Amino acid sequence: MVNRIALKPADAVAEEDVGLVDAARAGDPDAREALARRHLQDVFRTALRVLGDGDLAADAAQDAMVNALNGLDRFRGDASFRTWVLRITVNSARSLARRRNRRREVPLTVVDAHAADEPDASSQVAIRAEADRARGLLEQLPTKQRLAVGLRIDGLSFREVGQAIGCSEGAARVNYHLGIKRLRERMK
């Protein structure tokens, strides 16, 4: 009897991505579109964390996705497709920031998705204010700490975070924990 290990949801997504990557490499435009659709939201959020500006993040996300899809033959499979495309996103966003030679700004309008679950209007206002404050403080963290915290919130493992931001798993853990510690201190 063969023991079967149930795939975790992230593992299942990674397995589906392998099939899509193979099909996209073979020239299937639907597979390319499916890969883009699956990962564009994560790519945009990652670019937004690096740049702090929605318009620039949209540009960086588009560049990253185009670069990833055009460079599928360079994808070796050492990491998941998601991790690989997020690494490209970080590089694209940093490159865009350097080209623009601009300073980071915190966006003024951010809506907390969880506030809609709260029935009391005054509670919603308080939750949104606290969420905005936390986002503002997150934006003040050094880039690697900000990315580590944000990517962990998005559900990446420390190994995937390290691969996405270009450091070891241990360094990703350190950046995450230092970022959380700084956020807690500043939130007091």
C-alpha atoms as a PDB file:
ATOM      1  CA  MET A   1       0.000   0.000   0.000  1.00  0.00           C
ATOM      2  CA  VAL A   2       1.323   3.412  -0.973  1.00  0.00           C
ATOM      3  CA  ASN A   3       1.057   6.253   1.522  1.00  0.00           C
ATOM      4  CA  ARG A   4      -0.354   9.354  -0.096  1.00  0.00           C
ATOM      5  CA  ILE A   5       0.330  12.774   1.286  1.00  0.00           C
ATOM      6  CA  ALA A   6      -2.455  15.282   0.768  1.00  0.00           C
ATOM      7  CA  LEU A   7      -1.285  18.400  -1.018  1.00  0.00           C
ATOM      8  CA  LYS A   8      -1.620  21.660   0.817  1.00  0.00           C
ATOM      9  CA  PRO A   9      -3.534  24.332  -1.096  1.00  0.00           C
ATOM     10  CA  ALA A  10      -0.280  26.164  -1.923  1.00  0.00           C
ATOM     11  CA  ASP A  11       1.243  22.899  -3.162  1.00  0.00           C
ATOM     12  CA  ALA A  12      -1.801  22.255  -5.327  1.00  0.00           C
ATOM     13  CA  VAL A  13      -1.530  25.739  -6.833  1.00  0.00           C
ATOM     14  CA  ALA A  14       2.177  25.181  -7.492  1.00  0.00           C
ATOM     15  CA  GLU A  15       1.395  21.857  -9.201  1.00  0.00           C
ATOM     16  CA  GLU A  16      -1.230  23.518 -11.396  1.00  0.00           C
ATOM     17  CA  ASP A  17       1.280  26.254 -12.222  1.00  0.00           C
ATOM     18  CA  VAL A  18       3.775  23.637 -13.434  1.00  0.00           C
ATOM     19  CA  GLY A  19       1.239  22.421 -15.990  1.00  0.00           C
ATOM     20  CA  LEU A  20       0.401  25.964 -17.033  1.00  0.00           C
ATOM     21  CA  VAL A  21       4.076  26.891 -17.373  1.00  0.00           C
ATOM     22  CA  ASP A  22       4.693  23.836 -19.578  1.00  0.00           C
ATOM     23  CA  ALA A  23       1.694  24.703 -21.740  1.00  0.00           C
ATOM     24  CA  ALA A  24       2.717  28.371 -21.955  1.00  0.00           C
ATOM     25  CA  ARG A  25       6.247  27.382 -22.979  1.00  0.00           C
ATOM     26  CA  ALA A  26       4.671  25.284 -25.733  1.00  0.00           C
ATOM     27  CA  GLY A  27       2.928  28.437 -26.986  1.00  0.00           C
ATOM     28  CA  ASP A  28      -0.543  28.085 -25.462  1.00  0.00           C
ATOM     29  CA  PRO A  29      -1.893  31.661 -25.091  1.00  0.00           C
ATOM     30  CA  ASP A  30      -4.642  30.488 -22.721  1.00  0.00           C
ATOM     31  CA  ALA A  31      -2.012  29.101 -20.338  1.00  0.00           C
ATOM     32  CA  ARG A  32      -0.123  32.408 -20.402  1.00  0.00           C
ATOM     33  CA  GLU A  33      -3.345  34.260 -19.655  1.00  0.00           C
ATOM     34  CA  ALA A  34      -4.208  31.849 -16.846  1.00  0.00           C
ATOM     35  CA  LEU A  35      -0.786  32.351 -15.223  1.00  0.00           C
ATOM     36  CA  ALA A  36      -1.178  36.118 -15.457  1.00  0.00           C
ATOM     37  CA  ARG A  37      -4.701  36.020 -14.032  1.00  0.00           C
ATOM     38  CA  ARG A  38      -3.662  33.760 -11.143  1.00  0.00           C
ATOM     39  CA  HIS A  39      -0.729  35.861  -9.991  1.00  0.00           C
ATOM     40  CA  LEU A  40      -1.425  39.451 -11.060  1.00  0.00           C
ATOM     41  CA  GLN A  41      -3.028  40.459  -7.760  1.00  0.00           C
ATOM     42  CA  ASP A  42      -0.050  39.182  -5.728  1.00  0.00           C
ATOM     43  CA  VAL A  43       2.324  40.839  -8.185  1.00  0.00           C
ATOM     44  CA  PHE A  44       0.502  44.166  -7.853  1.00  0.00           C
ATOM     45  CA  ARG A  45       0.429  44.000  -4.023  1.00  0.00           C
ATOM     46  CA  THR A  46       4.137  43.243  -3.915  1.00  0.00           C
ATOM     47  CA  ALA A  47       4.952  46.123  -6.266  1.00  0.00           C
ATOM     48  CA  LEU A  48       2.737  48.410  -4.179  1.00  0.00           C
ATOM     49  CA  ARG A  49       4.679  47.459  -1.045  1.00  0.00           C
ATOM     50  CA  VAL A  50       7.947  48.356  -2.723  1.00  0.00           C
ATOM     51  CA  LEU A  51       6.774  51.582  -4.348  1.00  0.00           C
ATOM     52  CA  GLY A  52       3.951  52.877  -2.140  1.00  0.00           C
ATOM     53  CA  ASP A  53       2.153  54.335  -5.159  1.00  0.00           C
ATOM     54  CA  GLY A  54      -0.698  52.568  -6.935  1.00  0.00           C
ATOM     55  CA  ASP A  55      -0.007  53.951 -10.402  1.00  0.00           C
ATOM     56  CA  LEU A  56       3.690  53.101 -10.270  1.00  0.00           C
ATOM     57  CA  ALA A  57       2.861  49.702  -8.788  1.00  0.00           C
ATOM     58  CA  ALA A  58       0.507  48.981 -11.692  1.00  0.00           C
ATOM     59  CA  ASP A  59       3.311  49.835 -14.136  1.00  0.00           C
ATOM     60  CA  ALA A  60       5.818  47.684 -12.262  1.00  0.00           C
ATOM     61  CA  ALA A  61       3.330  44.804 -12.000  1.00  0.00           C
ATOM     62  CA  GLN A  62       2.673  44.911 -15.722  1.00  0.00           C
ATOM     63  CA  ASP A  63       6.407  45.011 -16.495  1.00  0.00           C
ATOM     64  CA  ALA A  64       7.070  42.121 -14.122  1.00  0.00           C
ATOM     65  CA  MET A  65       4.306  39.953 -15.545  1.00  0.00           C
ATOM     66  CA  VAL A  66       5.377  40.636 -19.136  1.00  0.00           C
ATOM     67  CA  ASN A  67       9.004  39.886 -18.242  1.00  0.00           C
ATOM     68  CA  ALA A  68       8.034  36.672 -16.469  1.00  0.00           C
ATOM     69  CA  LEU A  69       5.805  35.419 -19.279  1.00  0.00           C
ATOM     70  CA  ASN A  70       8.364  36.327 -21.942  1.00  0.00           C
ATOM     71  CA  GLY A  71      11.126  34.704 -19.899  1.00  0.00           C
ATOM     72  CA  LEU A  72       9.426  31.397 -19.110  1.00  0.00           C
ATOM     73  CA  ASP A  73      12.324  29.524 -20.702  1.00  0.00           C
ATOM     74  CA  ARG A  74      14.531  30.902 -17.887  1.00  0.00           C
ATOM     75  CA  PHE A  75      12.212  29.507 -15.187  1.00  0.00           C
ATOM     76  CA  ARG A  76      14.115  26.494 -13.820  1.00  0.00           C
ATOM     77  CA  GLY A  77      11.552  25.379 -11.273  1.00  0.00           C
ATOM     78  CA  ASP A  78      13.907  25.687  -8.271  1.00  0.00           C
ATOM     79  CA  ALA A  79      11.143  27.683  -6.608  1.00  0.00           C
ATOM     80  CA  SER A  80       7.434  27.885  -7.315  1.00  0.00           C
ATOM     81  CA  PHE A  81       6.300  30.010 -10.242  1.00  0.00           C
ATOM     82  CA  ARG A  82       4.644  32.377  -7.737  1.00  0.00           C
ATOM     83  CA  THR A  83       7.912  32.912  -5.858  1.00  0.00           C
ATOM     84  CA  TRP A  84       9.796  33.383  -9.115  1.00  0.00           C
ATOM     85  CA  VAL A  85       7.354  35.969 -10.464  1.00  0.00           C
ATOM     86  CA  LEU A  86       7.349  37.832  -7.120  1.00  0.00           C
ATOM     87  CA  ARG A  87      11.164  38.035  -7.256  1.00  0.00           C
ATOM     88  CA  ILE A  88      10.877  39.511 -10.744  1.00  0.00           C
ATOM     89  CA  THR A  89       8.287  41.935  -9.347  1.00  0.00           C
ATOM     90  CA  VAL A  90      10.581  43.130  -6.557  1.00  0.00           C
ATOM     91  CA  ASN A  91      13.372  43.693  -9.087  1.00  0.00           C
ATOM     92  CA  SER A  92      11.027  45.471 -11.508  1.00  0.00           C
ATOM     93  CA  ALA A  93       9.620  47.736  -8.797  1.00  0.00           C
ATOM     94  CA  ARG A  94      13.057  48.641  -7.479  1.00  0.00           C
ATOM     95  CA  SER A  95      14.241  49.348 -11.006  1.00  0.00           C
ATOM     96  CA  LEU A  96      11.237  51.575 -11.649  1.00  0.00           C
ATOM     97  CA  ALA A  97      11.859  53.447  -8.388  1.00  0.00           C
ATOM     98  CA  ARG A  98      15.476  54.032  -9.366  1.00  0.00           C
ATOM     99  CA  ARG A  99      14.452  55.223 -12.842  1.00  0.00           C
ATOM    100  CA  ARG A 100      11.902  57.608 -11.401  1.00  0.00           C
ATOM    101  CA  ASN A 101      14.372  58.719  -8.712  1.00  0.00           C
ATOM    102  CA  ARG A 102      11.442  59.649  -6.570  1.00  0.00           C
ATOM    103  CA  ARG A 103      10.783  59.525  -2.871  1.00  0.00           C
ATOM    104  CA  ARG A 104       8.210  57.136  -1.435  1.00  0.00           C
ATOM    105  CA  GLU A 105       4.881  58.522  -0.361  1.00  0.00           C
ATOM    106  CA  VAL A 106       2.160  56.838   1.651  1.00  0.00           C
ATOM    107  CA  PRO A 107      -1.115  56.674  -0.284  1.00  0.00           C
ATOM    108  CA  LEU A 108      -3.849  58.727   1.371  1.00  0.00           C
ATOM    109  CA  THR A 109      -6.822  56.551   0.464  1.00  0.00           C
ATOM    110  CA  VAL A 110      -6.703  52.985   1.694  1.00  0.00           C
ATOM    111  CA  VAL A 111      -9.830  51.024   2.550  1.00  0.00           C
ATOM    112  CA  ASP A 112      -9.730  48.127   4.977  1.00  0.00           C
ATOM    113  CA  ALA A 113     -11.628  45.166   3.504  1.00  0.00           C
ATOM    114  CA  HIS A 114     -12.421  43.742   6.933  1.00  0.00           C
ATOM    115  CA  ALA A 115     -14.209  46.861   8.122  1.00  0.00           C
ATOM    116  CA  ALA A 116     -17.272  45.933   6.050  1.00  0.00           C
ATOM    117  CA  ASP A 117     -17.933  43.011   8.431  1.00  0.00           C
ATOM    118  CA  GLU A 118     -18.264  45.383  11.404  1.00  0.00           C
ATOM    119  CA  PRO A 119     -21.889  46.510  11.928  1.00  0.00           C
ATOM    120  CA  ASP A 120     -21.205  49.595  14.046  1.00  0.00           C
ATOM    121  CA  ALA A 121     -20.252  52.671  11.982  1.00  0.00           C
ATOM    122  CA  SER A 122     -18.066  54.174  14.718  1.00  0.00           C
ATOM    123  CA  SER A 123     -16.252  50.846  15.042  1.00  0.00           C
ATOM    124  CA  GLN A 124     -15.683  50.832  11.296  1.00  0.00           C
ATOM    125  CA  VAL A 125     -14.139  54.288  11.459  1.00  0.00           C
ATOM    126  CA  ALA A 126     -11.881  53.256  14.342  1.00  0.00           C
ATOM    127  CA  ILE A 127     -10.806  50.050  12.597  1.00  0.00           C
ATOM    128  CA  ARG A 128     -10.082  51.894   9.356  1.00  0.00           C
ATOM    129  CA  ALA A 129      -8.079  54.544  11.187  1.00  0.00           C
ATOM    130  CA  GLU A 130      -6.039  51.889  12.986  1.00  0.00           C
ATOM    131  CA  ALA A 131      -5.520  49.940   9.741  1.00  0.00           C
ATOM    132  CA  ASP A 132      -4.423  53.112   7.939  1.00  0.00           C
ATOM    133  CA  ARG A 133      -2.038  53.880  10.782  1.00  0.00           C
ATOM    134  CA  ALA A 134      -0.600  50.340  10.620  1.00  0.00           C
ATOM    135  CA  ARG A 135      -0.184  50.601   6.832  1.00  0.00           C
ATOM    136  CA  GLY A 136       1.548  53.940   7.217  1.00  0.00           C
ATOM    137  CA  LEU A 137       3.898  52.501   9.802  1.00  0.00           C
ATOM    138  CA  LEU A 138       4.493  49.452   7.590  1.00  0.00           C
ATOM    139  CA  GLU A 139       5.512  51.786   4.760  1.00  0.00           C
ATOM    140  CA  GLN A 140       8.139  53.355   7.049  1.00  0.00           C
ATOM    141  CA  LEU A 141       9.936  50.050   7.605  1.00  0.00           C
ATOM    142  CA  PRO A 142      13.099  49.288   5.643  1.00  0.00           C
ATOM    143  CA  THR A 143      12.281  47.672   2.300  1.00  0.00           C
ATOM    144  CA  LYS A 144      13.235  44.084   3.166  1.00  0.00           C
ATOM    145  CA  GLN A 145      11.325  44.184   6.455  1.00  0.00           C
ATOM    146  CA  ARG A 146       8.283  45.732   4.749  1.00  0.00           C
ATOM    147  CA  LEU A 147       8.336  43.087   2.025  1.00  0.00           C
ATOM    148  CA  ALA A 148       8.896  40.220   4.470  1.00  0.00           C
ATOM    149  CA  VAL A 149       5.925  41.277   6.604  1.00  0.00           C
ATOM    150  CA  GLY A 150       3.694  41.893   3.589  1.00  0.00           C
ATOM    151  CA  LEU A 151       4.558  38.655   1.825  1.00  0.00           C
ATOM    152  CA  ARG A 152       4.001  36.648   5.020  1.00  0.00           C
ATOM    153  CA  ILE A 153       0.597  38.329   5.357  1.00  0.00           C
ATOM    154  CA  ASP A 154      -0.080  37.157   1.802  1.00  0.00           C
ATOM    155  CA  GLY A 155       0.642  33.590   2.915  1.00  0.00           C
ATOM    156  CA  LEU A 156       4.136  32.917   1.596  1.00  0.00           C
ATOM    157  CA  SER A 157       6.441  30.672   3.605  1.00  0.00           C
ATOM    158  CA  PHE A 158       9.703  32.097   4.925  1.00  0.00           C
ATOM    159  CA  ARG A 159      11.548  30.143   2.238  1.00  0.00           C
ATOM    160  CA  GLU A 160       9.365  31.742  -0.453  1.00  0.00           C
ATOM    161  CA  VAL A 161       9.730  35.178   1.136  1.00  0.00           C
ATOM    162  CA  GLY A 162      13.506  34.794   1.105  1.00  0.00           C
ATOM    163  CA  GLN A 163      13.479  33.763  -2.534  1.00  0.00           C
ATOM    164  CA  ALA A 164      11.161  36.635  -3.460  1.00  0.00           C
ATOM    165  CA  ILE A 165      13.221  39.350  -1.765  1.00  0.00           C
ATOM    166  CA  GLY A 166      16.616  37.853  -2.577  1.00  0.00           C
ATOM    167  CA  CYS A 167      17.845  36.574   0.761  1.00  0.00           C
ATOM    168  CA  SER A 168      18.076  33.344   2.734  1.00  0.00           C
ATOM    169  CA  GLU A 169      15.169  31.803   4.616  1.00  0.00           C
ATOM    170  CA  GLY A 170      16.851  32.762   7.887  1.00  0.00           C
ATOM    171  CA  ALA A 171      17.268  36.370   6.782  1.00  0.00           C
ATOM    172  CA  ALA A 172      13.603  36.425   5.735  1.00  0.00           C
ATOM    173  CA  ARG A 173      12.640  35.265   9.237  1.00  0.00           C
ATOM    174  CA  VAL A 174      14.830  37.932  10.826  1.00  0.00           C
ATOM    175  CA  ASN A 175      13.435  40.672   8.566  1.00  0.00           C
ATOM    176  CA  TYR A 176       9.874  39.566   9.319  1.00  0.00           C
ATOM    177  CA  HIS A 177      10.355  39.429  13.071  1.00  0.00           C
ATOM    178  CA  LEU A 178      12.250  42.743  13.186  1.00  0.00           C
ATOM    179  CA  GLY A 179       9.510  44.331  11.082  1.00  0.00           C
ATOM    180  CA  ILE A 180       6.757  43.009  13.364  1.00  0.00           C
ATOM    181  CA  LYS A 181       8.701  44.131  16.438  1.00  0.00           C
ATOM    182  CA  ARG A 182       9.116  47.650  15.031  1.00  0.00           C
ATOM    183  CA  LEU A 183       5.446  47.807  14.069  1.00  0.00           C
ATOM    184  CA  ARG A 184       4.401  46.792  17.568  1.00  0.00           C
ATOM    185  CA  GLU A 185       6.698  49.368  19.158  1.00  0.00           C
ATOM    186  CA  ARG A 186       5.436  52.132  16.889  1.00  0.00           C
ATOM    187  CA  MET A 187       1.790  51.166  17.336  1.00  0.00           C
ATOM    188  CA  LYS A 188       2.011  51.771  21.118  1.00  0.00           C
END
